[in-house]
mmCIF file of all heavy atoms, coordinates in Angstrom:
data_MODEL
# 
_entry.id   MODEL 
# 
loop_
_atom_site.group_PDB 
_atom_site.id 
_atom_site.type_symbol 
_atom_site.label_atom_id 
_atom_site.label_alt_id 
_atom_site.label_comp_id 
_atom_site.label_asym_id 
_atom_site.label_entity_id 
_atom_site.label_seq_id 
_atom_site.pdbx_PDB_ins_code 
_atom_site.Cartn_x 
_atom_site.Cartn_y 
_atom_site.Cartn_z 
_atom_site.occupancy 
_atom_site.B_iso_or_equiv 
_atom_site.pdbx_formal_charge 
_atom_site.auth_seq_id 
_atom_site.auth_comp_id 
_atom_site.auth_asym_id 
_atom_site.auth_atom_id 
_atom_site.pdbx_PDB_model_num 
ATOM 1   N N   . SER A 1 1  ? 0.841  -1.190 0.002  1.00 0.00 ? 1  SER A N   1 
ATOM 2   C CA  . SER A 1 1  ? 0.000  -0.003 -0.005 1.00 0.00 ? 1  SER A CA  1 
ATOM 3   C C   . SER A 1 1  ? 0.875  1.238  0.005  1.00 0.00 ? 1  SER A C   1 
ATOM 4   O O   . SER A 1 1  ? 2.062  1.179  0.322  1.00 0.00 ? 1  SER A O   1 
ATOM 5   C CB  . SER A 1 1  ? -0.931 0.037  1.225  1.00 0.00 ? 1  SER A CB  1 
ATOM 6   O OG  . SER A 1 1  ? -0.158 0.170  2.405  1.00 0.00 ? 1  SER A OG  1 
ATOM 7   N N   . ARG A 1 2  ? 0.257  2.346  -0.356 1.00 0.00 ? 2  ARG A N   1 
ATOM 8   C CA  . ARG A 1 2  ? 1.002  3.614  -0.341 1.00 0.00 ? 2  ARG A CA  1 
ATOM 9   C C   . ARG A 1 2  ? 1.510  3.933  1.054  1.00 0.00 ? 2  ARG A C   1 
ATOM 10  O O   . ARG A 1 2  ? 2.645  4.389  1.244  1.00 0.00 ? 2  ARG A O   1 
ATOM 11  C CB  . ARG A 1 2  ? 0.087  4.739  -0.847 1.00 0.00 ? 2  ARG A CB  1 
ATOM 12  C CG  . ARG A 1 2  ? 0.839  6.089  -0.990 1.00 0.00 ? 2  ARG A CG  1 
ATOM 13  C CD  . ARG A 1 2  ? -0.124 7.172  -1.452 1.00 0.00 ? 2  ARG A CD  1 
ATOM 14  N NE  . ARG A 1 2  ? 0.569  8.437  -1.622 1.00 0.00 ? 2  ARG A NE  1 
ATOM 15  C CZ  . ARG A 1 2  ? 0.898  9.262  -0.624 1.00 0.00 ? 2  ARG A CZ  1 
ATOM 16  N NH1 . ARG A 1 2  ? 0.556  8.955  0.614  1.00 0.00 ? 2  ARG A NH1 1 
ATOM 17  N NH2 . ARG A 1 2  ? 1.522  10.391 -0.904 1.00 0.00 ? 2  ARG A NH2 1 
ATOM 18  N N   . GLN A 1 3  ? 0.674  3.683  2.081  1.00 0.00 ? 3  GLN A N   1 
ATOM 19  C CA  . GLN A 1 3  ? 1.096  3.949  3.452  1.00 0.00 ? 3  GLN A CA  1 
ATOM 20  C C   . GLN A 1 3  ? 2.268  3.064  3.879  1.00 0.00 ? 3  GLN A C   1 
ATOM 21  O O   . GLN A 1 3  ? 3.193  3.479  4.563  1.00 0.00 ? 3  GLN A O   1 
ATOM 22  C CB  . GLN A 1 3  ? -0.105 3.737  4.404  1.00 0.00 ? 3  GLN A CB  1 
ATOM 23  C CG  . GLN A 1 3  ? 0.244  4.134  5.852  1.00 0.00 ? 3  GLN A CG  1 
ATOM 24  C CD  . GLN A 1 3  ? 0.616  5.587  6.020  1.00 0.00 ? 3  GLN A CD  1 
ATOM 25  O OE1 . GLN A 1 3  ? -0.126 6.470  5.537  1.00 0.00 ? 3  GLN A OE1 1 
ATOM 26  N NE2 . GLN A 1 3  ? 1.772  5.842  6.646  1.00 0.00 ? 3  GLN A NE2 1 
ATOM 27  N N   . ALA A 1 4  ? 2.208  1.797  3.469  1.00 0.00 ? 4  ALA A N   1 
ATOM 28  C CA  . ALA A 1 4  ? 3.293  0.903  3.794  1.00 0.00 ? 4  ALA A CA  1 
ATOM 29  C C   . ALA A 1 4  ? 4.590  1.330  3.172  1.00 0.00 ? 4  ALA A C   1 
ATOM 30  O O   . ALA A 1 4  ? 5.678  1.297  3.852  1.00 0.00 ? 4  ALA A O   1 
ATOM 31  C CB  . ALA A 1 4  ? 2.957  -0.531 3.342  1.00 0.00 ? 4  ALA A CB  1 
ATOM 32  N N   . LEU A 1 5  ? 4.545  1.808  1.939  1.00 0.00 ? 5  LEU A N   1 
ATOM 33  C CA  . LEU A 1 5  ? 5.771  2.301  1.291  1.00 0.00 ? 5  LEU A CA  1 
ATOM 34  C C   . LEU A 1 5  ? 6.299  3.580  1.952  1.00 0.00 ? 5  LEU A C   1 
ATOM 35  O O   . LEU A 1 5  ? 7.485  3.751  2.142  1.00 0.00 ? 5  LEU A O   1 
ATOM 36  C CB  . LEU A 1 5  ? 5.460  2.569  -0.203 1.00 0.00 ? 5  LEU A CB  1 
ATOM 37  C CG  . LEU A 1 5  ? 5.203  1.322  -1.045 1.00 0.00 ? 5  LEU A CG  1 
ATOM 38  C CD1 . LEU A 1 5  ? 4.775  1.745  -2.471 1.00 0.00 ? 5  LEU A CD1 1 
ATOM 39  C CD2 . LEU A 1 5  ? 6.422  0.412  -1.139 1.00 0.00 ? 5  LEU A CD2 1 
ATOM 40  N N   . ALA A 1 6  ? 5.355  4.448  2.387  1.00 0.00 ? 6  ALA A N   1 
ATOM 41  C CA  . ALA A 1 6  ? 5.724  5.644  3.091  1.00 0.00 ? 6  ALA A CA  1 
ATOM 42  C C   . ALA A 1 6  ? 6.423  5.364  4.416  1.00 0.00 ? 6  ALA A C   1 
ATOM 43  O O   . ALA A 1 6  ? 7.399  5.972  4.794  1.00 0.00 ? 6  ALA A O   1 
ATOM 44  C CB  . ALA A 1 6  ? 4.510  6.571  3.265  1.00 0.00 ? 6  ALA A CB  1 
ATOM 45  N N   . ASP A 1 7  ? 5.853  4.341  5.134  1.00 0.00 ? 7  ASP A N   1 
ATOM 46  C CA  . ASP A 1 7  ? 6.455  3.958  6.394  1.00 0.00 ? 7  ASP A CA  1 
ATOM 47  C C   . ASP A 1 7  ? 7.829  3.352  6.203  1.00 0.00 ? 7  ASP A C   1 
ATOM 48  O O   . ASP A 1 7  ? 8.720  3.543  7.050  1.00 0.00 ? 7  ASP A O   1 
ATOM 49  C CB  . ASP A 1 7  ? 5.528  2.937  7.125  1.00 0.00 ? 7  ASP A CB  1 
ATOM 50  C CG  . ASP A 1 7  ? 4.282  3.587  7.646  1.00 0.00 ? 7  ASP A CG  1 
ATOM 51  O OD1 . ASP A 1 7  ? 4.218  4.848  7.783  1.00 0.00 ? 7  ASP A OD1 1 
ATOM 52  O OD2 . ASP A 1 7  ? 3.295  2.843  7.969  1.00 0.00 ? 7  ASP A OD2 1 
ATOM 53  N N   . MET A 1 8  ? 8.035  2.622  5.091  1.00 0.00 ? 8  MET A N   1 
ATOM 54  C CA  . MET A 1 8  ? 9.359  2.033  4.839  1.00 0.00 ? 8  MET A CA  1 
ATOM 55  C C   . MET A 1 8  ? 10.369 3.173  4.696  1.00 0.00 ? 8  MET A C   1 
ATOM 56  O O   . MET A 1 8  ? 11.474 3.082  5.197  1.00 0.00 ? 8  MET A O   1 
ATOM 57  C CB  . MET A 1 8  ? 9.278  1.192  3.557  1.00 0.00 ? 8  MET A CB  1 
ATOM 58  C CG  . MET A 1 8  ? 8.524  -0.128 3.707  1.00 0.00 ? 8  MET A CG  1 
ATOM 59  S SD  . MET A 1 8  ? 8.335  -0.969 2.117  1.00 0.00 ? 8  MET A SD  1 
ATOM 60  C CE  . MET A 1 8  ? 10.038 -1.187 1.603  1.00 0.00 ? 8  MET A CE  1 
ATOM 61  N N   . VAL A 1 9  ? 10.049 4.203  3.915  1.00 0.00 ? 9  VAL A N   1 
ATOM 62  C CA  . VAL A 1 9  ? 10.971 5.272  3.705  1.00 0.00 ? 9  VAL A CA  1 
ATOM 63  C C   . VAL A 1 9  ? 11.221 6.031  5.037  1.00 0.00 ? 9  VAL A C   1 
ATOM 64  O O   . VAL A 1 9  ? 12.357 6.388  5.369  1.00 0.00 ? 9  VAL A O   1 
ATOM 65  C CB  . VAL A 1 9  ? 10.430 6.254  2.627  1.00 0.00 ? 9  VAL A CB  1 
ATOM 66  C CG1 . VAL A 1 9  ? 11.272 7.482  2.561  1.00 0.00 ? 9  VAL A CG1 1 
ATOM 67  C CG2 . VAL A 1 9  ? 10.314 5.552  1.316  1.00 0.00 ? 9  VAL A CG2 1 
ATOM 68  N N   . LEU A 1 10 ? 10.152 6.283  5.807  1.00 0.00 ? 10 LEU A N   1 
ATOM 69  C CA  . LEU A 1 10 ? 10.276 7.045  7.039  1.00 0.00 ? 10 LEU A CA  1 
ATOM 70  C C   . LEU A 1 10 ? 11.137 6.274  8.053  1.00 0.00 ? 10 LEU A C   1 
ATOM 71  O O   . LEU A 1 10 ? 11.763 6.908  8.919  1.00 0.00 ? 10 LEU A O   1 
ATOM 72  C CB  . LEU A 1 10 ? 8.898  7.335  7.610  1.00 0.00 ? 10 LEU A CB  1 
ATOM 73  C CG  . LEU A 1 10 ? 8.838  8.301  8.802  1.00 0.00 ? 10 LEU A CG  1 
ATOM 74  C CD1 . LEU A 1 10 ? 9.381  9.658  8.419  1.00 0.00 ? 10 LEU A CD1 1 
ATOM 75  C CD2 . LEU A 1 10 ? 7.403  8.455  9.289  1.00 0.00 ? 10 LEU A CD2 1 
ATOM 76  N N   . SER A 1 11 ? 11.152 4.975  7.995  1.00 0.00 ? 11 SER A N   1 
ATOM 77  C CA  . SER A 1 11 ? 11.888 4.157  8.991  1.00 0.00 ? 11 SER A CA  1 
ATOM 78  C C   . SER A 1 11 ? 13.374 4.199  8.766  1.00 0.00 ? 11 SER A C   1 
ATOM 79  O O   . SER A 1 11 ? 14.135 3.708  9.605  1.00 0.00 ? 11 SER A O   1 
ATOM 80  C CB  . SER A 1 11 ? 11.363 2.757  9.026  1.00 0.00 ? 11 SER A CB  1 
ATOM 81  O OG  . SER A 1 11 ? 11.766 2.050  7.849  1.00 0.00 ? 11 SER A OG  1 
ATOM 82  N N   . VAL A 1 12 ? 13.838 4.629  7.587  1.00 0.00 ? 12 VAL A N   1 
ATOM 83  C CA  . VAL A 1 12 ? 15.271 4.638  7.295  1.00 0.00 ? 12 VAL A CA  1 
ATOM 84  C C   . VAL A 1 12 ? 15.905 5.729  8.143  1.00 0.00 ? 12 VAL A C   1 
ATOM 85  O O   . VAL A 1 12 ? 15.543 6.917  8.102  1.00 0.00 ? 12 VAL A O   1 
ATOM 86  C CB  . VAL A 1 12 ? 15.490 4.926  5.784  1.00 0.00 ? 12 VAL A CB  1 
ATOM 87  C CG1 . VAL A 1 12 ? 17.026 5.053  5.524  1.00 0.00 ? 12 VAL A CG1 1 
ATOM 88  C CG2 . VAL A 1 12 ? 14.869 3.792  4.935  1.00 0.00 ? 12 VAL A CG2 1 
ATOM 89  N N   . ASN A 1 13 ? 16.992 5.321  8.883  1.00 0.00 ? 13 ASN A N   1 
ATOM 90  C CA  . ASN A 1 13 ? 17.655 6.293  9.776  1.00 0.00 ? 13 ASN A CA  1 
ATOM 91  C C   . ASN A 1 13 ? 18.730 6.995  9.039  1.00 0.00 ? 13 ASN A C   1 
ATOM 92  O O   . ASN A 1 13 ? 19.949 6.820  9.309  1.00 0.00 ? 13 ASN A O   1 
ATOM 93  C CB  . ASN A 1 13 ? 18.212 5.487  10.970 1.00 0.00 ? 13 ASN A CB  1 
ATOM 94  C CG  . ASN A 1 13 ? 17.158 4.981  11.904 1.00 0.00 ? 13 ASN A CG  1 
ATOM 95  O OD1 . ASN A 1 13 ? 16.158 5.635  12.137 1.00 0.00 ? 13 ASN A OD1 1 
ATOM 96  N ND2 . ASN A 1 13 ? 17.341 3.772  12.417 1.00 0.00 ? 13 ASN A ND2 1 
ATOM 97  N N   . ASP A 1 14 ? 18.343 7.885  8.179  1.00 0.00 ? 14 ASP A N   1 
ATOM 98  C CA  . ASP A 1 14 ? 19.355 8.663  7.418  1.00 0.00 ? 14 ASP A CA  1 
ATOM 99  C C   . ASP A 1 14 ? 19.692 9.929  8.231  1.00 0.00 ? 14 ASP A C   1 
ATOM 100 O O   . ASP A 1 14 ? 19.096 10.205 9.268  1.00 0.00 ? 14 ASP A O   1 
ATOM 101 C CB  . ASP A 1 14 ? 18.849 9.023  6.021  1.00 0.00 ? 14 ASP A CB  1 
ATOM 102 C CG  . ASP A 1 14 ? 17.499 9.737  6.085  1.00 0.00 ? 14 ASP A CG  1 
ATOM 103 O OD1 . ASP A 1 14 ? 16.878 9.760  7.125  1.00 0.00 ? 14 ASP A OD1 1 
ATOM 104 O OD2 . ASP A 1 14 ? 17.066 10.254 5.044  1.00 0.00 ? 14 ASP A OD2 1 
ATOM 105 N N   . ILE A 1 15 ? 20.680 10.683 7.757  1.00 0.00 ? 15 ILE A N   1 
ATOM 106 C CA  . ILE A 1 15 ? 21.072 11.960 8.404  1.00 0.00 ? 15 ILE A CA  1 
ATOM 107 C C   . ILE A 1 15 ? 20.191 13.062 7.851  1.00 0.00 ? 15 ILE A C   1 
ATOM 108 O O   . ILE A 1 15 ? 20.208 13.321 6.632  1.00 0.00 ? 15 ILE A O   1 
ATOM 109 C CB  . ILE A 1 15 ? 22.566 12.222 8.192  1.00 0.00 ? 15 ILE A CB  1 
ATOM 110 C CG1 . ILE A 1 15 ? 23.409 11.112 8.787  1.00 0.00 ? 15 ILE A CG1 1 
ATOM 111 C CG2 . ILE A 1 15 ? 22.919 13.571 8.784  1.00 0.00 ? 15 ILE A CG2 1 
ATOM 112 C CD1 . ILE A 1 15 ? 24.885 11.244 8.511  1.00 0.00 ? 15 ILE A CD1 1 
ATOM 113 N N   . VAL A 1 16 ? 19.474 13.743 8.695  1.00 0.00 ? 16 VAL A N   1 
ATOM 114 C CA  . VAL A 1 16 ? 18.489 14.731 8.272  1.00 0.00 ? 16 VAL A CA  1 
ATOM 115 C C   . VAL A 1 16 ? 19.108 16.121 8.308  1.00 0.00 ? 16 VAL A C   1 
ATOM 116 O O   . VAL A 1 16 ? 19.514 16.516 9.429  1.00 0.00 ? 16 VAL A O   1 
ATOM 117 C CB  . VAL A 1 16 ? 17.220 14.663 9.062  1.00 0.00 ? 16 VAL A CB  1 
ATOM 118 C CG1 . VAL A 1 16 ? 16.199 15.672 8.574  1.00 0.00 ? 16 VAL A CG1 1 
ATOM 119 C CG2 . VAL A 1 16 ? 16.619 13.266 9.117  1.00 0.00 ? 16 VAL A CG2 1 
ATOM 120 N N   . PRO A 1 17 ? 19.121 16.878 7.261  1.00 0.00 ? 17 PRO A N   1 
ATOM 121 C CA  . PRO A 1 17 ? 19.641 18.234 7.364  1.00 0.00 ? 17 PRO A CA  1 
ATOM 122 C C   . PRO A 1 17 ? 18.634 19.174 8.031  1.00 0.00 ? 17 PRO A C   1 
ATOM 123 O O   . PRO A 1 17 ? 17.447 19.174 7.723  1.00 0.00 ? 17 PRO A O   1 
ATOM 124 C CB  . PRO A 1 17 ? 19.888 18.609 5.894  1.00 0.00 ? 17 PRO A CB  1 
ATOM 125 C CG  . PRO A 1 17 ? 18.920 17.765 5.134  1.00 0.00 ? 17 PRO A CG  1 
ATOM 126 C CD  . PRO A 1 17 ? 18.787 16.474 5.879  1.00 0.00 ? 17 PRO A CD  1 
ATOM 127 N N   . VAL A 1 18 ? 19.135 19.957 9.003  1.00 0.00 ? 18 VAL A N   1 
ATOM 128 C CA  . VAL A 1 18 ? 18.294 20.977 9.615  1.00 0.00 ? 18 VAL A CA  1 
ATOM 129 C C   . VAL A 1 18 ? 19.095 22.289 9.731  1.00 0.00 ? 18 VAL A C   1 
ATOM 130 O O   . VAL A 1 18 ? 20.302 22.245 9.768  1.00 0.00 ? 18 VAL A O   1 
ATOM 131 C CB  . VAL A 1 18 ? 17.839 20.568 11.069 1.00 0.00 ? 18 VAL A CB  1 
ATOM 132 C CG1 . VAL A 1 18 ? 16.927 19.348 11.003 1.00 0.00 ? 18 VAL A CG1 1 
ATOM 133 C CG2 . VAL A 1 18 ? 19.085 20.278 11.949 1.00 0.00 ? 18 VAL A CG2 1 
ATOM 134 N N   . ALA A 1 19 ? 18.385 23.388 9.731  1.00 0.00 ? 19 ALA A N   1 
ATOM 135 C CA  . ALA A 1 19 ? 19.025 24.700 9.714  1.00 0.00 ? 19 ALA A CA  1 
ATOM 136 C C   . ALA A 1 19 ? 19.535 25.075 11.108 1.00 0.00 ? 19 ALA A C   1 
ATOM 137 O O   . ALA A 1 19 ? 20.527 25.761 11.240 1.00 0.00 ? 19 ALA A O   1 
ATOM 138 C CB  . ALA A 1 19 ? 18.127 25.737 9.187  1.00 0.00 ? 19 ALA A CB  1 
ATOM 139 N N   . SER A 1 20 ? 18.804 24.588 12.159 1.00 0.00 ? 20 SER A N   1 
ATOM 140 C CA  . SER A 1 20 ? 19.121 25.118 13.506 1.00 0.00 ? 20 SER A CA  1 
ATOM 141 C C   . SER A 1 20 ? 18.577 24.146 14.536 1.00 0.00 ? 20 SER A C   1 
ATOM 142 O O   . SER A 1 20 ? 17.889 23.165 14.243 1.00 0.00 ? 20 SER A O   1 
ATOM 143 C CB  . SER A 1 20 ? 18.467 26.474 13.700 1.00 0.00 ? 20 SER A CB  1 
ATOM 144 O OG  . SER A 1 20 ? 17.039 26.321 13.599 1.00 0.00 ? 20 SER A OG  1 
ATOM 145 N N   . ALA A 1 21 ? 18.874 24.424 15.820 1.00 0.00 ? 21 ALA A N   1 
ATOM 146 C CA  . ALA A 1 21 ? 18.303 23.663 16.914 1.00 0.00 ? 21 ALA A CA  1 
ATOM 147 C C   . ALA A 1 21 ? 16.802 23.736 16.954 1.00 0.00 ? 21 ALA A C   1 
ATOM 148 O O   . ALA A 1 21 ? 16.109 22.771 17.362 1.00 0.00 ? 21 ALA A O   1 
ATOM 149 C CB  . ALA A 1 21 ? 18.927 24.096 18.261 1.00 0.00 ? 21 ALA A CB  1 
ATOM 150 N N   . THR A 1 22 ? 16.251 24.859 16.534 1.00 0.00 ? 22 THR A N   1 
ATOM 151 C CA  . THR A 1 22 ? 14.800 25.021 16.547 1.00 0.00 ? 22 THR A CA  1 
ATOM 152 C C   . THR A 1 22 ? 14.174 24.077 15.490 1.00 0.00 ? 22 THR A C   1 
ATOM 153 O O   . THR A 1 22 ? 13.205 23.361 15.830 1.00 0.00 ? 22 THR A O   1 
ATOM 154 C CB  . THR A 1 22 ? 14.449 26.508 16.128 1.00 0.00 ? 22 THR A CB  1 
ATOM 155 O OG1 . THR A 1 22 ? 14.947 27.359 17.115 1.00 0.00 ? 22 THR A OG1 1 
ATOM 156 C CG2 . THR A 1 22 ? 12.953 26.655 16.046 1.00 0.00 ? 22 THR A CG2 1 
ATOM 157 N N   . GLU A 1 23 ? 14.757 24.017 14.300 1.00 0.00 ? 23 GLU A N   1 
ATOM 158 C CA  . GLU A 1 23 ? 14.196 23.087 13.301 1.00 0.00 ? 23 GLU A CA  1 
ATOM 159 C C   . GLU A 1 23 ? 14.407 21.653 13.733 1.00 0.00 ? 23 GLU A C   1 
ATOM 160 O O   . GLU A 1 23 ? 13.566 20.771 13.486 1.00 0.00 ? 23 GLU A O   1 
ATOM 161 C CB  . GLU A 1 23 ? 14.849 23.310 11.940 1.00 0.00 ? 23 GLU A CB  1 
ATOM 162 C CG  . GLU A 1 23 ? 14.247 22.469 10.831 1.00 0.00 ? 23 GLU A CG  1 
ATOM 163 C CD  . GLU A 1 23 ? 14.824 22.697 9.496  1.00 0.00 ? 23 GLU A CD  1 
ATOM 164 O OE1 . GLU A 1 23 ? 15.729 23.587 9.333  1.00 0.00 ? 23 GLU A OE1 1 
ATOM 165 O OE2 . GLU A 1 23 ? 14.432 21.977 8.518  1.00 0.00 ? 23 GLU A OE2 1 
ATOM 166 N N   . ARG A 1 24 ? 15.505 21.377 14.433 1.00 0.00 ? 24 ARG A N   1 
ATOM 167 C CA  . ARG A 1 24 ? 15.747 20.042 14.951 1.00 0.00 ? 24 ARG A CA  1 
ATOM 168 C C   . ARG A 1 24 ? 14.626 19.638 15.928 1.00 0.00 ? 24 ARG A C   1 
ATOM 169 O O   . ARG A 1 24 ? 14.124 18.507 15.904 1.00 0.00 ? 24 ARG A O   1 
ATOM 170 C CB  . ARG A 1 24 ? 17.137 20.014 15.636 1.00 0.00 ? 24 ARG A CB  1 
ATOM 171 C CG  . ARG A 1 24 ? 17.567 18.639 16.134 1.00 0.00 ? 24 ARG A CG  1 
ATOM 172 C CD  . ARG A 1 24 ? 18.857 18.800 16.926 1.00 0.00 ? 24 ARG A CD  1 
ATOM 173 N NE  . ARG A 1 24 ? 18.667 19.603 18.106 1.00 0.00 ? 24 ARG A NE  1 
ATOM 174 C CZ  . ARG A 1 24 ? 19.647 20.129 18.821 1.00 0.00 ? 24 ARG A CZ  1 
ATOM 175 N NH1 . ARG A 1 24 ? 20.902 19.966 18.465 1.00 0.00 ? 24 ARG A NH1 1 
ATOM 176 N NH2 . ARG A 1 24 ? 19.382 20.808 19.917 1.00 0.00 ? 24 ARG A NH2 1 
ATOM 177 N N   . SER A 1 25 ? 14.274 20.561 16.852 1.00 0.00 ? 25 SER A N   1 
ATOM 178 C CA  . SER A 1 25 ? 13.181 20.281 17.773 1.00 0.00 ? 25 SER A CA  1 
ATOM 179 C C   . SER A 1 25 ? 11.870 20.058 17.078 1.00 0.00 ? 25 SER A C   1 
ATOM 180 O O   . SER A 1 25 ? 11.045 19.228 17.451 1.00 0.00 ? 25 SER A O   1 
ATOM 181 C CB  . SER A 1 25 ? 13.064 21.427 18.762 1.00 0.00 ? 25 SER A CB  1 
ATOM 182 O OG  . SER A 1 25 ? 14.233 21.570 19.534 1.00 0.00 ? 25 SER A OG  1 
ATOM 183 N N   . GLN A 1 26 ? 11.615 20.834 16.000 1.00 0.00 ? 26 GLN A N   1 
ATOM 184 C CA  . GLN A 1 26 ? 10.393 20.686 15.259 1.00 0.00 ? 26 GLN A CA  1 
ATOM 185 C C   . GLN A 1 26 ? 10.308 19.316 14.589 1.00 0.00 ? 26 GLN A C   1 
ATOM 186 O O   . GLN A 1 26 ? 9.234  18.664 14.505 1.00 0.00 ? 26 GLN A O   1 
ATOM 187 C CB  . GLN A 1 26 ? 10.254 21.796 14.217 1.00 0.00 ? 26 GLN A CB  1 
ATOM 188 C CG  . GLN A 1 26 ? 10.094 23.150 14.818 1.00 0.00 ? 26 GLN A CG  1 
ATOM 189 C CD  . GLN A 1 26 ? 10.233 24.305 13.789 1.00 0.00 ? 26 GLN A CD  1 
ATOM 190 O OE1 . GLN A 1 26 ? 10.724 24.058 12.675 1.00 0.00 ? 26 GLN A OE1 1 
ATOM 191 N NE2 . GLN A 1 26 ? 9.821  25.478 14.144 1.00 0.00 ? 26 GLN A NE2 1 
ATOM 192 N N   . LEU A 1 27 ? 11.477 18.830 14.134 1.00 0.00 ? 27 LEU A N   1 
ATOM 193 C CA  . LEU A 1 27 ? 11.547 17.505 13.506 1.00 0.00 ? 27 LEU A CA  1 
ATOM 194 C C   . LEU A 1 27 ? 11.220 16.407 14.562 1.00 0.00 ? 27 LEU A C   1 
ATOM 195 O O   . LEU A 1 27 ? 10.482 15.470 14.241 1.00 0.00 ? 27 LEU A O   1 
ATOM 196 C CB  . LEU A 1 27 ? 12.951 17.298 12.933 1.00 0.00 ? 27 LEU A CB  1 
ATOM 197 C CG  . LEU A 1 27 ? 13.218 15.886 12.317 1.00 0.00 ? 27 LEU A CG  1 
ATOM 198 C CD1 . LEU A 1 27 ? 12.292 15.583 11.185 1.00 0.00 ? 27 LEU A CD1 1 
ATOM 199 C CD2 . LEU A 1 27 ? 14.691 15.831 11.880 1.00 0.00 ? 27 LEU A CD2 1 
# 
């Protein structure tokens, strides 16, 4: 399903770029 594929991508522990500690907290 589309949701299952979305969950697969979201579960990957990649390095997420953020601009600041504020954006990090929002994430």
